[in-house]
Amino acid sequence: MSLERVRQELLAGGLHEESVDRLLDHYQSMQDRMAESEYDEAGTHIGNFCENMVNILLDQMDENIQSRPNLGSFVNNCTSGNIGGDEPKSIRLQIPRTLRAAYDIRNNRDSVHVNLQVPVNHADTQAGIAMCSWMLAEVLRVYGDGGGTEDMEEIGDLIEELSEPVTDGNPLQDLEASHDDFDRRAVVRALDGTVQVVGDDVHPDREFNSLDTSEQVVSLLLGWRAAADLGNTDDAGASASWISGYVDVGDTRVRQIFNAHDFIQNGSENGDYQIPGFRVEEAINYLETS
């Protein structure tokens, strides 16, 4: 997830820059600590996230930002209608209530008060991060600088990324999984109207013939990557002879197209070619810029 892109959207939407920077720093840190099973430290960052969220919303409500914001007073003022009357319901009511819940988890555990004898556990941290993720996504939805349809689609993608659950464990596992991972929504956008996945097969769609030959080849291979990811087939790629059945050139020319693109690889001994998950973005960029 690109928190820098989230930052750009929030700042373009007019939110308080210093508080946004701190908010996102703590958001990243709480996730890092969660991944390392350092639940006490994650709880501290959850609390700091909540305090910076308060200042962001105070600024939007034309109230004074506080060096040590009183979260309880802010929540009470919002829910009683004393401040934020012009803001959407999610900002003046739902986020304050969520702030209180996240902050209470943090305040009633050893992450803050070591004399409580209540250790922070996985569920505490998971719940706190989930609430912070929802609040960040909602602020992004309300204030993000989505001036056009494409911008709003990108903001939607960012919100979906924020909604992904955070799990603990060795962070290097992300590298292990990344070989076959890719942006599935981007594939949908790239293939919409040109290629269909039909059961365990891939077929051209209504706009397929508007593509040039090379684009057709790449689109069909992307379709196979999608079919394999859906679990519809064990084959993530296709042969030159299969591709040539749908394009106006022979096997030799199809192989030339395969070899012209670094993101296309020979995926099996029987001659099938495929686009690995970690090269999907390059294939999409090719289709979008051709």
C-alpha atoms as a PDB file:
ATOM      1  CA  MET A   1       0.000   0.000   0.000  1.00  0.00           C
ATOM      2  CA  SER A   2       1.268   3.463  -0.872  1.00  0.00           C
ATOM      3  CA  LEU A   3       0.842   5.626   2.208  1.00  0.00           C
ATOM      4  CA  GLU A   4       2.567   8.391   0.280  1.00  0.00           C
ATOM      5  CA  ARG A   5      -0.343   8.378  -2.169  1.00  0.00           C
ATOM      6  CA  VAL A   6      -2.779   8.485   0.767  1.00  0.00           C
ATOM      7  CA  ARG A   7      -0.810  11.429   2.149  1.00  0.00           C
ATOM      8  CA  GLN A   8      -0.983  13.265  -1.177  1.00  0.00           C
ATOM      9  CA  GLU A   9      -4.736  12.771  -1.405  1.00  0.00           C
ATOM     10  CA  LEU A  10      -5.341  13.962   2.155  1.00  0.00           C
ATOM     11  CA  LEU A  11      -3.152  17.032   1.801  1.00  0.00           C
ATOM     12  CA  ALA A  12      -4.737  17.884  -1.542  1.00  0.00           C
ATOM     13  CA  GLY A  13      -8.061  17.688   0.274  1.00  0.00           C
ATOM     14  CA  GLY A  14      -6.913  20.445   2.623  1.00  0.00           C
ATOM     15  CA  LEU A  15      -6.177  18.467   5.804  1.00  0.00           C
ATOM     16  CA  HIS A  16      -3.668  19.689   8.403  1.00  0.00           C
ATOM     17  CA  GLU A  17      -0.249  18.697   7.061  1.00  0.00           C
ATOM     18  CA  GLU A  18       1.658  18.112  10.302  1.00  0.00           C
ATOM     19  CA  SER A  19      -1.158  16.015  11.779  1.00  0.00           C
ATOM     20  CA  VAL A  20      -1.505  14.002   8.560  1.00  0.00           C
ATOM     21  CA  ASP A  21       2.224  13.248   8.538  1.00  0.00           C
ATOM     22  CA  ARG A  22       2.153  12.118  12.160  1.00  0.00           C
ATOM     23  CA  LEU A  23      -1.036  10.126  11.663  1.00  0.00           C
ATOM     24  CA  LEU A  24       0.442   8.133   8.777  1.00  0.00           C
ATOM     25  CA  ASP A  25       3.755   7.618  10.569  1.00  0.00           C
ATOM     26  CA  HIS A  26       1.922   6.077  13.516  1.00  0.00           C
ATOM     27  CA  TYR A  27      -0.292   4.049  11.174  1.00  0.00           C
ATOM     28  CA  GLN A  28       2.771   2.534   9.506  1.00  0.00           C
ATOM     29  CA  SER A  29       4.442   1.929  12.866  1.00  0.00           C
ATOM     30  CA  MET A  30       1.434   0.161  14.380  1.00  0.00           C
ATOM     31  CA  GLN A  31       1.345  -2.217  11.425  1.00  0.00           C
ATOM     32  CA  ASP A  32       5.085  -2.839  11.634  1.00  0.00           C
ATOM     33  CA  ARG A  33       4.823  -3.604  15.353  1.00  0.00           C
ATOM     34  CA  MET A  34       1.868  -5.899  14.708  1.00  0.00           C
ATOM     35  CA  ALA A  35       3.905  -7.823  12.144  1.00  0.00           C
ATOM     36  CA  GLU A  36       6.642  -8.297  14.748  1.00  0.00           C
ATOM     37  CA  SER A  37       4.091  -9.342  17.434  1.00  0.00           C
ATOM     38  CA  GLU A  38       5.110  -6.294  19.499  1.00  0.00           C
ATOM     39  CA  TYR A  39       1.611  -5.606  20.747  1.00  0.00           C
ATOM     40  CA  ASP A  40       2.523  -3.156  23.531  1.00  0.00           C
ATOM     41  CA  GLU A  41       4.324  -0.857  21.113  1.00  0.00           C
ATOM     42  CA  ALA A  42       1.540  -1.168  18.549  1.00  0.00           C
ATOM     43  CA  GLY A  43      -0.947  -0.030  21.183  1.00  0.00           C
ATOM     44  CA  THR A  44       1.072   3.106  21.815  1.00  0.00           C
ATOM     45  CA  HIS A  45       0.990   3.999  18.121  1.00  0.00           C
ATOM     46  CA  ILE A  46      -2.772   3.364  18.022  1.00  0.00           C
ATOM     47  CA  GLY A  47      -3.207   5.950  20.772  1.00  0.00           C
ATOM     48  CA  ASN A  48      -1.016   8.479  18.989  1.00  0.00           C
ATOM     49  CA  PHE A  49      -2.910   7.846  15.748  1.00  0.00           C
ATOM     50  CA  CYS A  50      -6.180   8.645  17.524  1.00  0.00           C
ATOM     51  CA  GLU A  51      -4.818  11.896  18.968  1.00  0.00           C
ATOM     52  CA  ASN A  52      -3.653  13.079  15.552  1.00  0.00           C
ATOM     53  CA  MET A  53      -7.001  12.098  14.048  1.00  0.00           C
ATOM     54  CA  VAL A  54      -8.637  14.375  16.629  1.00  0.00           C
ATOM     55  CA  ASN A  55      -6.465  17.297  15.527  1.00  0.00           C
ATOM     56  CA  ILE A  56      -7.207  16.655  11.851  1.00  0.00           C
ATOM     57  CA  LEU A  57     -10.938  16.752  12.542  1.00  0.00           C
ATOM     58  CA  LEU A  58     -10.669  19.751  14.878  1.00  0.00           C
ATOM     59  CA  ASP A  59      -8.969  21.659  12.083  1.00  0.00           C
ATOM     60  CA  GLN A  60     -11.696  20.663   9.608  1.00  0.00           C
ATOM     61  CA  MET A  61     -14.334  21.824  12.085  1.00  0.00           C
ATOM     62  CA  ASP A  62     -12.600  25.230  12.412  1.00  0.00           C
ATOM     63  CA  GLU A  63     -11.602  24.453  15.999  1.00  0.00           C
ATOM     64  CA  ASN A  64      -8.166  25.004  17.512  1.00  0.00           C
ATOM     65  CA  ILE A  65      -5.605  22.230  17.169  1.00  0.00           C
ATOM     66  CA  GLN A  66      -4.219  21.088  20.521  1.00  0.00           C
ATOM     67  CA  SER A  67      -0.702  20.011  21.420  1.00  0.00           C
ATOM     68  CA  ARG A  68      -2.227  17.360  23.716  1.00  0.00           C
ATOM     69  CA  PRO A  69      -5.746  16.819  22.386  1.00  0.00           C
ATOM     70  CA  ASN A  70      -8.346  15.678  24.897  1.00  0.00           C
ATOM     71  CA  LEU A  71      -9.995  12.834  23.047  1.00  0.00           C
ATOM     72  CA  GLY A  72     -12.825  12.431  25.549  1.00  0.00           C
ATOM     73  CA  SER A  73     -13.851  16.088  25.312  1.00  0.00           C
ATOM     74  CA  PHE A  74     -13.666  15.978  21.520  1.00  0.00           C
ATOM     75  CA  VAL A  75     -15.907  12.910  21.327  1.00  0.00           C
ATOM     76  CA  ASN A  76     -18.424  14.395  23.767  1.00  0.00           C
ATOM     77  CA  ASN A  77     -18.545  17.691  21.873  1.00  0.00           C
ATOM     78  CA  CYS A  78     -19.090  15.909  18.570  1.00  0.00           C
ATOM     79  CA  THR A  79     -21.782  13.503  19.749  1.00  0.00           C
ATOM     80  CA  SER A  80     -23.651  16.265  21.602  1.00  0.00           C
ATOM     81  CA  GLY A  81     -23.637  18.496  18.513  1.00  0.00           C
ATOM     82  CA  ASN A  82     -21.449  21.238  19.957  1.00  0.00           C
ATOM     83  CA  ILE A  83     -18.932  21.076  17.090  1.00  0.00           C
ATOM     84  CA  GLY A  84     -18.782  19.740  13.548  1.00  0.00           C
ATOM     85  CA  GLY A  85     -22.402  20.394  12.698  1.00  0.00           C
ATOM     86  CA  ASP A  86     -21.578  20.960   9.023  1.00  0.00           C
ATOM     87  CA  GLU A  87     -19.594  17.723   8.639  1.00  0.00           C
ATOM     88  CA  PRO A  88     -21.011  14.434   7.315  1.00  0.00           C
ATOM     89  CA  LYS A  89     -22.499  12.062   9.869  1.00  0.00           C
ATOM     90  CA  SER A  90     -19.554   9.683   9.620  1.00  0.00           C
ATOM     91  CA  ILE A  91     -17.159  12.485  10.580  1.00  0.00           C
ATOM     92  CA  ARG A  92     -19.121  14.060  13.433  1.00  0.00           C
ATOM     93  CA  LEU A  93     -20.550  10.855  14.933  1.00  0.00           C
ATOM     94  CA  GLN A  94     -19.171   7.562  13.669  1.00  0.00           C
ATOM     95  CA  ILE A  95     -15.459   8.406  13.724  1.00  0.00           C
ATOM     96  CA  PRO A  96     -15.670   9.962  17.226  1.00  0.00           C
ATOM     97  CA  ARG A  97     -17.364   6.814  18.535  1.00  0.00           C
ATOM     98  CA  THR A  98     -14.730   4.652  16.869  1.00  0.00           C
ATOM     99  CA  LEU A  99     -11.987   6.870  18.306  1.00  0.00           C
ATOM    100  CA  ARG A 100     -13.343   6.277  21.785  1.00  0.00           C
ATOM    101  CA  ALA A 101     -13.420   2.489  21.295  1.00  0.00           C
ATOM    102  CA  ALA A 102      -9.872   2.326  19.887  1.00  0.00           C
ATOM    103  CA  TYR A 103      -8.543   4.665  22.564  1.00  0.00           C
ATOM    104  CA  ASP A 104     -10.251   2.714  25.360  1.00  0.00           C
ATOM    105  CA  ILE A 105      -8.601  -0.521  24.252  1.00  0.00           C
ATOM    106  CA  ARG A 106      -5.246   1.242  24.297  1.00  0.00           C
ATOM    107  CA  ASN A 107      -5.840   2.958  27.667  1.00  0.00           C
ATOM    108  CA  ASN A 108      -6.992  -0.166  29.460  1.00  0.00           C
ATOM    109  CA  ARG A 109      -3.948  -2.243  28.610  1.00  0.00           C
ATOM    110  CA  ASP A 110      -0.321  -2.294  29.713  1.00  0.00           C
ATOM    111  CA  SER A 111       0.705  -0.397  26.566  1.00  0.00           C
ATOM    112  CA  VAL A 112       0.054   2.782  28.542  1.00  0.00           C
ATOM    113  CA  HIS A 113      -0.541   1.965  32.205  1.00  0.00           C
ATOM    114  CA  VAL A 114       1.919  -0.705  33.292  1.00  0.00           C
ATOM    115  CA  ASN A 115       0.200  -1.123  36.660  1.00  0.00           C
ATOM    116  CA  LEU A 116      -2.997  -2.489  35.099  1.00  0.00           C
ATOM    117  CA  GLN A 117      -1.685  -6.056  34.935  1.00  0.00           C
ATOM    118  CA  VAL A 118      -3.619  -6.488  31.671  1.00  0.00           C
ATOM    119  CA  PRO A 119      -1.221  -7.496  28.887  1.00  0.00           C
ATOM    120  CA  VAL A 120      -1.898  -6.419  25.335  1.00  0.00           C
ATOM    121  CA  ASN A 121      -2.809  -9.388  23.167  1.00  0.00           C
ATOM    122  CA  HIS A 122      -3.174 -10.110  19.473  1.00  0.00           C
ATOM    123  CA  ALA A 123      -6.922  -9.471  19.468  1.00  0.00           C
ATOM    124  CA  ASP A 124      -6.488  -6.049  21.127  1.00  0.00           C
ATOM    125  CA  THR A 125      -3.991  -4.966  18.513  1.00  0.00           C
ATOM    126  CA  GLN A 126      -5.934  -6.416  15.609  1.00  0.00           C
ATOM    127  CA  ALA A 127      -9.118  -4.644  16.708  1.00  0.00           C
ATOM    128  CA  GLY A 128      -7.308  -1.349  17.239  1.00  0.00           C
ATOM    129  CA  ILE A 129      -5.633  -1.409  13.837  1.00  0.00           C
ATOM    130  CA  ALA A 130      -8.898  -2.384  12.138  1.00  0.00           C
ATOM    131  CA  MET A 131     -10.627   0.633  13.694  1.00  0.00           C
ATOM    132  CA  CYS A 132      -7.766   2.942  12.728  1.00  0.00           C
ATOM    133  CA  SER A 133      -7.863   1.562   9.182  1.00  0.00           C
ATOM    134  CA  TRP A 134     -11.585   2.254   8.935  1.00  0.00           C
ATOM    135  CA  MET A 135     -11.172   5.801  10.237  1.00  0.00           C
ATOM    136  CA  LEU A 136      -8.339   6.520   7.818  1.00  0.00           C
ATOM    137  CA  ALA A 137     -10.334   5.068   4.920  1.00  0.00           C
ATOM    138  CA  GLU A 138     -13.388   7.152   5.834  1.00  0.00           C
ATOM    139  CA  VAL A 139     -11.380  10.380   6.080  1.00  0.00           C
ATOM    140  CA  LEU A 140      -9.830   9.524   2.719  1.00  0.00           C
ATOM    141  CA  ARG A 141     -13.287   8.934   1.245  1.00  0.00           C
ATOM    142  CA  VAL A 142     -14.723  12.194   2.575  1.00  0.00           C
ATOM    143  CA  TYR A 143     -11.779  14.538   2.101  1.00  0.00           C
ATOM    144  CA  GLY A 144      -9.604  12.810  -0.525  1.00  0.00           C
ATOM    145  CA  ASP A 145      -8.963  14.931  -3.586  1.00  0.00           C
ATOM    146  CA  GLY A 146     -10.929  12.770  -6.022  1.00  0.00           C
ATOM    147  CA  GLY A 147     -11.746  15.407  -8.597  1.00  0.00           C
ATOM    148  CA  GLY A 148     -12.527  12.997 -11.452  1.00  0.00           C
ATOM    149  CA  THR A 149     -13.911   9.522 -12.011  1.00  0.00           C
ATOM    150  CA  GLU A 150     -10.464   7.972 -12.455  1.00  0.00           C
ATOM    151  CA  ASP A 151      -9.215   9.700  -9.290  1.00  0.00           C
ATOM    152  CA  MET A 152     -12.164   8.358  -7.307  1.00  0.00           C
ATOM    153  CA  GLU A 153     -11.481   4.841  -8.625  1.00  0.00           C
ATOM    154  CA  GLU A 154      -7.905   5.141  -7.388  1.00  0.00           C
ATOM    155  CA  ILE A 155      -9.123   6.396  -4.019  1.00  0.00           C
ATOM    156  CA  GLY A 156     -11.462   3.395  -3.908  1.00  0.00           C
ATOM    157  CA  ASP A 157      -8.490   1.118  -4.510  1.00  0.00           C
ATOM    158  CA  LEU A 158      -6.544   2.823  -1.717  1.00  0.00           C
ATOM    159  CA  ILE A 159      -9.478   2.373   0.662  1.00  0.00           C
ATOM    160  CA  GLU A 160      -9.653  -1.323  -0.234  1.00  0.00           C
ATOM    161  CA  GLU A 161      -5.937  -1.661   0.521  1.00  0.00           C
ATOM    162  CA  LEU A 162      -6.435   0.029   3.888  1.00  0.00           C
ATOM    163  CA  SER A 163      -9.206  -2.476   4.610  1.00  0.00           C
ATOM    164  CA  GLU A 164      -6.930  -5.499   4.133  1.00  0.00           C
ATOM    165  CA  PRO A 165      -6.451  -7.282   7.476  1.00  0.00           C
ATOM    166  CA  VAL A 166      -3.046  -7.025   9.095  1.00  0.00           C
ATOM    167  CA  THR A 167      -1.491 -10.262  10.263  1.00  0.00           C
ATOM    168  CA  ASP A 168       1.509 -10.923  12.421  1.00  0.00           C
ATOM    169  CA  GLY A 169       4.476 -13.071  11.528  1.00  0.00           C
ATOM    170  CA  ASN A 170       7.742 -12.636   9.696  1.00  0.00           C
ATOM    171  CA  PRO A 171       7.447  -9.580   7.403  1.00  0.00           C
ATOM    172  CA  LEU A 172       9.727 -11.309   4.892  1.00  0.00           C
ATOM    173  CA  GLN A 173       6.780 -13.578   4.093  1.00  0.00           C
ATOM    174  CA  ASP A 174       5.459 -10.662   2.034  1.00  0.00           C
ATOM    175  CA  LEU A 175       8.409 -11.132  -0.313  1.00  0.00           C
ATOM    176  CA  GLU A 176       7.758 -14.848  -0.521  1.00  0.00           C
ATOM    177  CA  ALA A 177       4.151 -14.301  -1.577  1.00  0.00           C
ATOM    178  CA  SER A 178       4.819 -11.405  -3.923  1.00  0.00           C
ATOM    179  CA  HIS A 179       5.958 -13.582  -6.858  1.00  0.00           C
ATOM    180  CA  ASP A 180       2.366 -14.497  -7.743  1.00  0.00           C
ATOM    181  CA  ASP A 181       0.626 -11.443  -6.308  1.00  0.00           C
ATOM    182  CA  PHE A 182      -0.764  -8.621  -8.432  1.00  0.00           C
ATOM    183  CA  ASP A 183      -3.377  -5.877  -8.505  1.00  0.00           C
ATOM    184  CA  ARG A 184      -6.532  -7.734  -9.463  1.00  0.00           C
ATOM    185  CA  ARG A 185      -8.676  -4.622  -9.904  1.00  0.00           C
ATOM    186  CA  ALA A 186      -6.128  -3.230 -12.338  1.00  0.00           C
ATOM    187  CA  VAL A 187      -6.397  -6.437 -14.377  1.00  0.00           C
ATOM    188  CA  VAL A 188     -10.183  -6.091 -14.462  1.00  0.00           C
ATOM    189  CA  ARG A 189      -9.883  -2.524 -15.743  1.00  0.00           C
ATOM    190  CA  ALA A 190      -7.275  -3.505 -18.331  1.00  0.00           C
ATOM    191  CA  LEU A 191      -9.294  -6.421 -19.743  1.00  0.00           C
ATOM    192  CA  ASP A 192     -12.799  -4.986 -19.441  1.00  0.00           C
ATOM    193  CA  GLY A 193     -14.497  -5.406 -22.815  1.00  0.00           C
ATOM    194  CA  THR A 194     -11.573  -7.174 -24.496  1.00  0.00           C
ATOM    195  CA  VAL A 195     -11.165 -10.562 -22.792  1.00  0.00           C
ATOM    196  CA  GLN A 196     -13.496 -12.818 -20.816  1.00  0.00           C
ATOM    197  CA  VAL A 197     -12.752 -15.704 -18.474  1.00  0.00           C
ATOM    198  CA  VAL A 198     -15.360 -18.368 -19.177  1.00  0.00           C
ATOM    199  CA  GLY A 199     -15.030 -21.290 -16.791  1.00  0.00           C
ATOM    200  CA  ASP A 200     -11.679 -22.932 -17.425  1.00  0.00           C
ATOM    201  CA  ASP A 201     -11.134 -21.073 -20.703  1.00  0.00           C
ATOM    202  CA  VAL A 202     -10.365 -17.565 -21.938  1.00  0.00           C
ATOM    203  CA  HIS A 203     -12.151 -15.906 -24.866  1.00  0.00           C
ATOM    204  CA  PRO A 204     -11.985 -12.563 -26.702  1.00  0.00           C
ATOM    205  CA  ASP A 205     -14.727 -10.092 -25.806  1.00  0.00           C
ATOM    206  CA  ARG A 206     -16.606  -7.502 -27.892  1.00  0.00           C
ATOM    207  CA  GLU A 207     -13.742  -4.959 -28.160  1.00  0.00           C
ATOM    208  CA  PHE A 208     -10.950  -7.474 -28.749  1.00  0.00           C
ATOM    209  CA  ASN A 209     -10.661  -6.692 -32.469  1.00  0.00           C
ATOM    210  CA  SER A 210      -9.981  -3.012 -31.719  1.00  0.00           C
ATOM    211  CA  LEU A 211      -6.576  -4.014 -30.305  1.00  0.00           C
ATOM    212  CA  ASP A 212      -3.478  -4.476 -32.431  1.00  0.00           C
ATOM    213  CA  THR A 213      -1.978  -7.959 -32.644  1.00  0.00           C
ATOM    214  CA  SER A 214       0.570  -7.499 -29.875  1.00  0.00           C
ATOM    215  CA  GLU A 215      -2.072  -6.073 -27.527  1.00  0.00           C
ATOM    216  CA  GLN A 216      -4.327  -9.027 -28.312  1.00  0.00           C
ATOM    217  CA  VAL A 217      -1.587 -11.493 -27.401  1.00  0.00           C
ATOM    218  CA  VAL A 218      -0.806  -9.727 -24.108  1.00  0.00           C
ATOM    219  CA  SER A 219      -4.510  -9.440 -23.232  1.00  0.00           C
ATOM    220  CA  LEU A 220      -5.121 -13.145 -23.797  1.00  0.00           C
ATOM    221  CA  LEU A 221      -2.163 -14.067 -21.587  1.00  0.00           C
ATOM    222  CA  LEU A 222      -3.444 -11.694 -18.880  1.00  0.00           C
ATOM    223  CA  GLY A 223      -6.762 -13.486 -19.173  1.00  0.00           C
ATOM    224  CA  TRP A 224      -5.048 -16.799 -18.450  1.00  0.00           C
ATOM    225  CA  ARG A 225      -3.310 -15.274 -15.432  1.00  0.00           C
ATOM    226  CA  ALA A 226      -6.744 -14.191 -14.169  1.00  0.00           C
ATOM    227  CA  ALA A 227      -8.277 -17.623 -14.832  1.00  0.00           C
ATOM    228  CA  ALA A 228      -5.495 -19.342 -12.892  1.00  0.00           C
ATOM    229  CA  ASP A 229      -5.799 -16.861 -10.017  1.00  0.00           C
ATOM    230  CA  LEU A 230      -9.544 -17.577  -9.827  1.00  0.00           C
ATOM    231  CA  GLY A 231      -8.738 -21.279  -9.528  1.00  0.00           C
ATOM    232  CA  ASN A 232     -10.609 -22.068 -12.750  1.00  0.00           C
ATOM    233  CA  THR A 233      -7.577 -23.741 -14.324  1.00  0.00           C
ATOM    234  CA  ASP A 234      -4.139 -25.021 -13.439  1.00  0.00           C
ATOM    235  CA  ASP A 235      -2.731 -23.453 -16.613  1.00  0.00           C
ATOM    236  CA  ALA A 236      -1.527 -19.878 -16.097  1.00  0.00           C
ATOM    237  CA  GLY A 237      -0.493 -19.450 -19.733  1.00  0.00           C
ATOM    238  CA  ALA A 238      -1.063 -20.513 -23.310  1.00  0.00           C
ATOM    239  CA  SER A 239       0.822 -21.807 -26.321  1.00  0.00           C
ATOM    240  CA  ALA A 240       1.556 -19.881 -29.493  1.00  0.00           C
ATOM    241  CA  SER A 241      -0.760 -22.163 -31.437  1.00  0.00           C
ATOM    242  CA  TRP A 242      -3.674 -21.459 -29.095  1.00  0.00           C
ATOM    243  CA  ILE A 243      -3.078 -17.699 -29.284  1.00  0.00           C
ATOM    244  CA  SER A 244      -2.823 -17.776 -33.079  1.00  0.00           C
ATOM    245  CA  GLY A 245      -6.329 -19.217 -33.214  1.00  0.00           C
ATOM    246  CA  TYR A 246      -7.666 -15.856 -32.049  1.00  0.00           C
ATOM    247  CA  VAL A 247      -5.321 -13.432 -33.861  1.00  0.00           C
ATOM    248  CA  ASP A 248      -4.602 -12.800 -37.542  1.00  0.00           C
ATOM    249  CA  VAL A 249      -1.007 -14.065 -37.503  1.00  0.00           C
ATOM    250  CA  GLY A 250       0.643 -17.461 -37.320  1.00  0.00           C
ATOM    251  CA  ASP A 251       2.547 -19.240 -34.552  1.00  0.00           C
ATOM    252  CA  THR A 252       5.928 -17.799 -35.567  1.00  0.00           C
ATOM    253  CA  ARG A 253       4.726 -14.206 -35.289  1.00  0.00           C
ATOM    254  CA  VAL A 254       3.068 -14.943 -31.941  1.00  0.00           C
ATOM    255  CA  ARG A 255       6.375 -16.302 -30.618  1.00  0.00           C
ATOM    256  CA  GLN A 256       8.125 -13.154 -31.832  1.00  0.00           C
ATOM    257  CA  ILE A 257       5.655 -11.111 -29.813  1.00  0.00           C
ATOM    258  CA  PHE A 258       6.258 -13.332 -26.776  1.00  0.00           C
ATOM    259  CA  ASN A 259       9.998 -12.785 -27.055  1.00  0.00           C
ATOM    260  CA  ALA A 260       9.627  -9.018 -27.553  1.00  0.00           C
ATOM    261  CA  HIS A 261       8.239  -8.513 -24.052  1.00  0.00           C
ATOM    262  CA  ASP A 262      10.329  -9.166 -20.956  1.00  0.00           C
ATOM    263  CA  PHE A 263       7.199  -9.622 -18.850  1.00  0.00           C
ATOM    264  CA  ILE A 264       6.206 -12.721 -20.869  1.00  0.00           C
ATOM    265  CA  GLN A 265       8.002 -15.887 -19.808  1.00  0.00           C
ATOM    266  CA  ASN A 266       8.131 -19.467 -21.028  1.00  0.00           C
ATOM    267  CA  GLY A 267       6.186 -21.025 -18.218  1.00  0.00           C
ATOM    268  CA  SER A 268       6.424 -24.733 -18.923  1.00  0.00           C
ATOM    269  CA  GLU A 269       8.270 -27.427 -20.829  1.00  0.00           C
ATOM    270  CA  ASN A 270       5.341 -27.907 -23.229  1.00  0.00           C
ATOM    271  CA  GLY A 271       5.790 -24.461 -24.728  1.00  0.00           C
ATOM    272  CA  ASP A 272       3.168 -22.487 -22.823  1.00  0.00           C
ATOM    273  CA  TYR A 273       3.949 -18.844 -22.165  1.00  0.00           C
ATOM    274  CA  GLN A 274       2.640 -16.786 -19.276  1.00  0.00           C
ATOM    275  CA  ILE A 275       2.793 -13.468 -17.454  1.00  0.00           C
ATOM    276  CA  PRO A 276       3.933 -14.101 -13.850  1.00  0.00           C
ATOM    277  CA  GLY A 277       2.081 -12.262 -11.124  1.00  0.00           C
ATOM    278  CA  PHE A 278       5.006  -9.978 -10.335  1.00  0.00           C
ATOM    279  CA  ARG A 279       5.164  -8.866 -14.010  1.00  0.00           C
ATOM    280  CA  VAL A 280       1.432  -8.184 -14.405  1.00  0.00           C
ATOM    281  CA  GLU A 281       1.845  -4.480 -13.706  1.00  0.00           C
ATOM    282  CA  GLU A 282       4.293  -4.201 -16.612  1.00  0.00           C
ATOM    283  CA  ALA A 283       1.828  -5.927 -18.929  1.00  0.00           C
ATOM    284  CA  ILE A 284      -0.947  -3.560 -17.870  1.00  0.00           C
ATOM    285  CA  ASN A 285       1.307  -0.555 -18.394  1.00  0.00           C
ATOM    286  CA  TYR A 286       2.050  -1.828 -21.896  1.00  0.00           C
ATOM    287  CA  LEU A 287      -1.654  -2.114 -22.732  1.00  0.00           C
ATOM    288  CA  GLU A 288      -2.410   1.322 -21.305  1.00  0.00           C
ATOM    289  CA  THR A 289       0.398   3.097 -23.150  1.00  0.00           C
ATOM    290  CA  SER A 290       0.202   1.337 -26.506  1.00  0.00           C
END
